[in-house]
Amino acid sequence: MALRPLAFGIRLRDGARTLRVRNDPRDPRRFLVEDVREGEAPQVRHHETASDAVRDAASTWRRRLN
């Protein structure tokens, strides 16, 4: 089976906060969710599948509303 990295990325911005989903540069089969807030250290979470990474990003983005 051919190995294909994520053909697109996700970037969500709200004020000083940015949430990104992208391929892990060290292992293209894995995915990163980066939560960057101004003035804070970035939080990076690793996921084995794209669906897990997108689910984590959606959950994180919804939590910002509360």
N, C-alpha and C. Protein backbone atom coordinates (compact mmCIF):
# COMPACT_ATOMS: atom_id res chain seq x y z
N MET A 1 0.85 -1.17 0.00
CA MET A 1 0.00 0.00 0.00
C MET A 1 0.90 1.25 0.00
N ALA A 2 0.56 2.20 -0.81
CA ALA A 2 1.34 3.43 -0.90
C ALA A 2 1.11 4.30 0.33
N LEU A 3 2.15 5.00 0.71
CA LEU A 3 2.07 5.91 1.85
C LEU A 3 1.87 7.32 1.32
N ARG A 4 0.80 7.97 1.76
CA ARG A 4 0.51 9.32 1.30
C ARG A 4 0.30 10.24 2.48
N PRO A 5 1.01 11.34 2.54
CA PRO A 5 0.77 12.28 3.64
C PRO A 5 -0.56 13.00 3.45
N LEU A 6 -0.98 13.68 4.48
CA LEU A 6 -2.21 14.47 4.41
C LEU A 6 -2.10 15.45 3.25
N ALA A 7 -3.06 15.43 2.35
CA ALA A 7 -3.00 16.27 1.15
C ALA A 7 -3.36 17.72 1.46
N PHE A 8 -3.85 17.98 2.64
CA PHE A 8 -4.23 19.33 3.03
C PHE A 8 -3.95 19.49 4.52
N GLY A 9 -3.98 20.67 4.99
CA GLY A 9 -3.81 20.93 6.42
C GLY A 9 -5.03 21.67 6.93
N ILE A 10 -5.13 21.76 8.22
CA ILE A 10 -6.23 22.49 8.85
C ILE A 10 -5.59 23.58 9.70
N ARG A 11 -6.09 24.79 9.56
CA ARG A 11 -5.65 25.89 10.41
C ARG A 11 -6.87 26.69 10.83
N LEU A 12 -7.08 26.77 12.12
CA LEU A 12 -8.19 27.54 12.69
C LEU A 12 -7.60 28.65 13.54
N ARG A 13 -8.07 29.88 13.33
CA ARG A 13 -7.56 31.02 14.08
C ARG A 13 -8.70 31.75 14.78
N ASP A 14 -8.42 32.18 16.00
CA ASP A 14 -9.36 33.00 16.75
C ASP A 14 -8.54 33.94 17.62
N GLY A 15 -8.42 35.18 17.18
CA GLY A 15 -7.62 36.15 17.93
C GLY A 15 -6.17 35.73 17.99
N ALA A 16 -5.67 35.50 19.19
CA ALA A 16 -4.26 35.15 19.39
C ALA A 16 -4.04 33.64 19.46
N ARG A 17 -5.04 32.86 19.09
CA ARG A 17 -4.93 31.41 19.17
C ARG A 17 -5.00 30.79 17.77
N THR A 18 -4.12 29.84 17.51
CA THR A 18 -4.11 29.12 16.24
C THR A 18 -4.05 27.63 16.53
N LEU A 19 -4.88 26.87 15.84
CA LEU A 19 -4.92 25.42 15.97
C LEU A 19 -4.63 24.85 14.59
N ARG A 20 -3.60 23.97 14.50
CA ARG A 20 -3.21 23.39 13.22
C ARG A 20 -3.20 21.87 13.30
N VAL A 21 -3.57 21.24 12.18
CA VAL A 21 -3.43 19.80 12.01
C VAL A 21 -2.55 19.61 10.79
N ARG A 22 -1.48 18.84 10.95
CA ARG A 22 -0.57 18.60 9.82
C ARG A 22 0.17 17.29 10.02
N ASN A 23 0.88 16.86 8.97
CA ASN A 23 1.69 15.65 9.07
C ASN A 23 2.89 15.89 9.97
N ASP A 24 3.29 14.85 10.65
CA ASP A 24 4.49 14.90 11.48
C ASP A 24 5.69 14.87 10.53
N PRO A 25 6.58 15.87 10.59
CA PRO A 25 7.72 15.88 9.66
C PRO A 25 8.68 14.70 9.87
N ARG A 26 8.71 14.15 11.07
CA ARG A 26 9.60 13.01 11.35
C ARG A 26 9.03 11.68 10.90
N ASP A 27 7.70 11.58 10.86
CA ASP A 27 7.04 10.33 10.43
C ASP A 27 5.77 10.70 9.68
N PRO A 28 5.78 10.70 8.34
CA PRO A 28 4.64 11.16 7.55
C PRO A 28 3.36 10.34 7.76
N ARG A 29 3.46 9.19 8.43
CA ARG A 29 2.26 8.41 8.69
C ARG A 29 1.51 8.89 9.93
N ARG A 30 2.14 9.76 10.70
CA ARG A 30 1.52 10.29 11.92
C ARG A 30 1.12 11.74 11.71
N PHE A 31 0.29 12.26 12.62
CA PHE A 31 -0.25 13.60 12.49
C PHE A 31 -0.06 14.37 13.79
N LEU A 32 0.07 15.69 13.65
CA LEU A 32 0.24 16.58 14.79
C LEU A 32 -0.94 17.52 14.90
N VAL A 33 -1.33 17.81 16.14
CA VAL A 33 -2.28 18.88 16.42
C VAL A 33 -1.50 19.89 17.25
N GLU A 34 -1.33 21.09 16.71
CA GLU A 34 -0.58 22.15 17.39
C GLU A 34 -1.54 23.23 17.86
N ASP A 35 -1.53 23.49 19.14
CA ASP A 35 -2.36 24.53 19.74
C ASP A 35 -1.44 25.64 20.21
N VAL A 36 -1.44 26.76 19.50
CA VAL A 36 -0.52 27.86 19.78
C VAL A 36 -1.31 29.06 20.27
N ARG A 37 -0.94 29.55 21.44
CA ARG A 37 -1.55 30.76 22.00
C ARG A 37 -0.45 31.77 22.25
N GLU A 38 -0.75 33.02 21.97
CA GLU A 38 0.23 34.08 22.16
C GLU A 38 0.66 34.15 23.62
N GLY A 39 1.97 34.18 23.84
CA GLY A 39 2.50 34.30 25.19
C GLY A 39 2.61 32.98 25.93
N GLU A 40 2.25 31.86 25.32
CA GLU A 40 2.33 30.54 25.96
C GLU A 40 3.14 29.60 25.07
N ALA A 41 3.65 28.56 25.69
CA ALA A 41 4.36 27.53 24.92
C ALA A 41 3.35 26.73 24.10
N PRO A 42 3.68 26.39 22.85
CA PRO A 42 2.76 25.61 22.03
C PRO A 42 2.53 24.22 22.61
N GLN A 43 1.31 23.74 22.48
CA GLN A 43 0.97 22.37 22.89
C GLN A 43 0.88 21.54 21.62
N VAL A 44 1.63 20.45 21.58
CA VAL A 44 1.64 19.57 20.41
C VAL A 44 1.21 18.19 20.85
N ARG A 45 0.20 17.65 20.14
CA ARG A 45 -0.28 16.30 20.43
C ARG A 45 -0.10 15.45 19.17
N HIS A 46 0.37 14.22 19.35
CA HIS A 46 0.65 13.30 18.24
C HIS A 46 -0.49 12.30 18.12
N HIS A 47 -0.84 11.97 16.87
CA HIS A 47 -1.91 11.01 16.61
C HIS A 47 -1.48 10.04 15.52
N GLU A 48 -1.97 8.82 15.61
CA GLU A 48 -1.63 7.78 14.64
C GLU A 48 -2.40 7.93 13.34
N THR A 49 -3.63 8.43 13.39
CA THR A 49 -4.46 8.54 12.19
C THR A 49 -4.96 9.97 12.01
N ALA A 50 -5.29 10.28 10.76
CA ALA A 50 -5.83 11.61 10.45
C ALA A 50 -7.17 11.82 11.13
N SER A 51 -8.00 10.79 11.19
CA SER A 51 -9.31 10.95 11.81
C SER A 51 -9.19 11.27 13.30
N ASP A 52 -8.23 10.67 13.98
CA ASP A 52 -8.01 10.98 15.40
C ASP A 52 -7.54 12.43 15.57
N ALA A 53 -6.66 12.88 14.67
CA ALA A 53 -6.16 14.25 14.75
C ALA A 53 -7.27 15.26 14.49
N VAL A 54 -8.10 15.00 13.50
CA VAL A 54 -9.21 15.92 13.19
C VAL A 54 -10.22 15.92 14.33
N ARG A 55 -10.49 14.77 14.90
CA ARG A 55 -11.42 14.68 16.03
C ARG A 55 -10.89 15.47 17.23
N ASP A 56 -9.59 15.36 17.51
CA ASP A 56 -8.96 16.11 18.59
C ASP A 56 -9.04 17.62 18.31
N ALA A 57 -8.76 18.04 17.09
CA ALA A 57 -8.82 19.45 16.74
C ALA A 57 -10.24 20.00 16.89
N ALA A 58 -11.22 19.25 16.44
CA ALA A 58 -12.62 19.70 16.55
C ALA A 58 -13.04 19.82 18.01
N SER A 59 -12.65 18.85 18.81
CA SER A 59 -12.98 18.89 20.23
C SER A 59 -12.31 20.08 20.92
N THR A 60 -11.05 20.31 20.60
CA THR A 60 -10.31 21.44 21.18
C THR A 60 -10.94 22.76 20.76
N TRP A 61 -11.33 22.86 19.50
CA TRP A 61 -11.90 24.10 18.99
C TRP A 61 -13.27 24.38 19.63
N ARG A 62 -14.06 23.34 19.84
CA ARG A 62 -15.36 23.52 20.50
C ARG A 62 -15.19 23.94 21.95
N ARG A 63 -14.17 23.40 22.64
CA ARG A 63 -13.95 23.73 24.05
C ARG A 63 -13.60 25.20 24.25
N ARG A 64 -13.07 25.88 23.23
CA ARG A 64 -12.70 27.29 23.40
C ARG A 64 -13.93 28.16 23.61
N LEU A 65 -15.12 27.66 23.23
CA LEU A 65 -16.35 28.44 23.38
C LEU A 65 -16.86 28.46 24.81
N ASN A 66 -16.41 27.53 25.63
CA ASN A 66 -16.91 27.44 27.01
C ASN A 66 -15.96 28.04 28.00
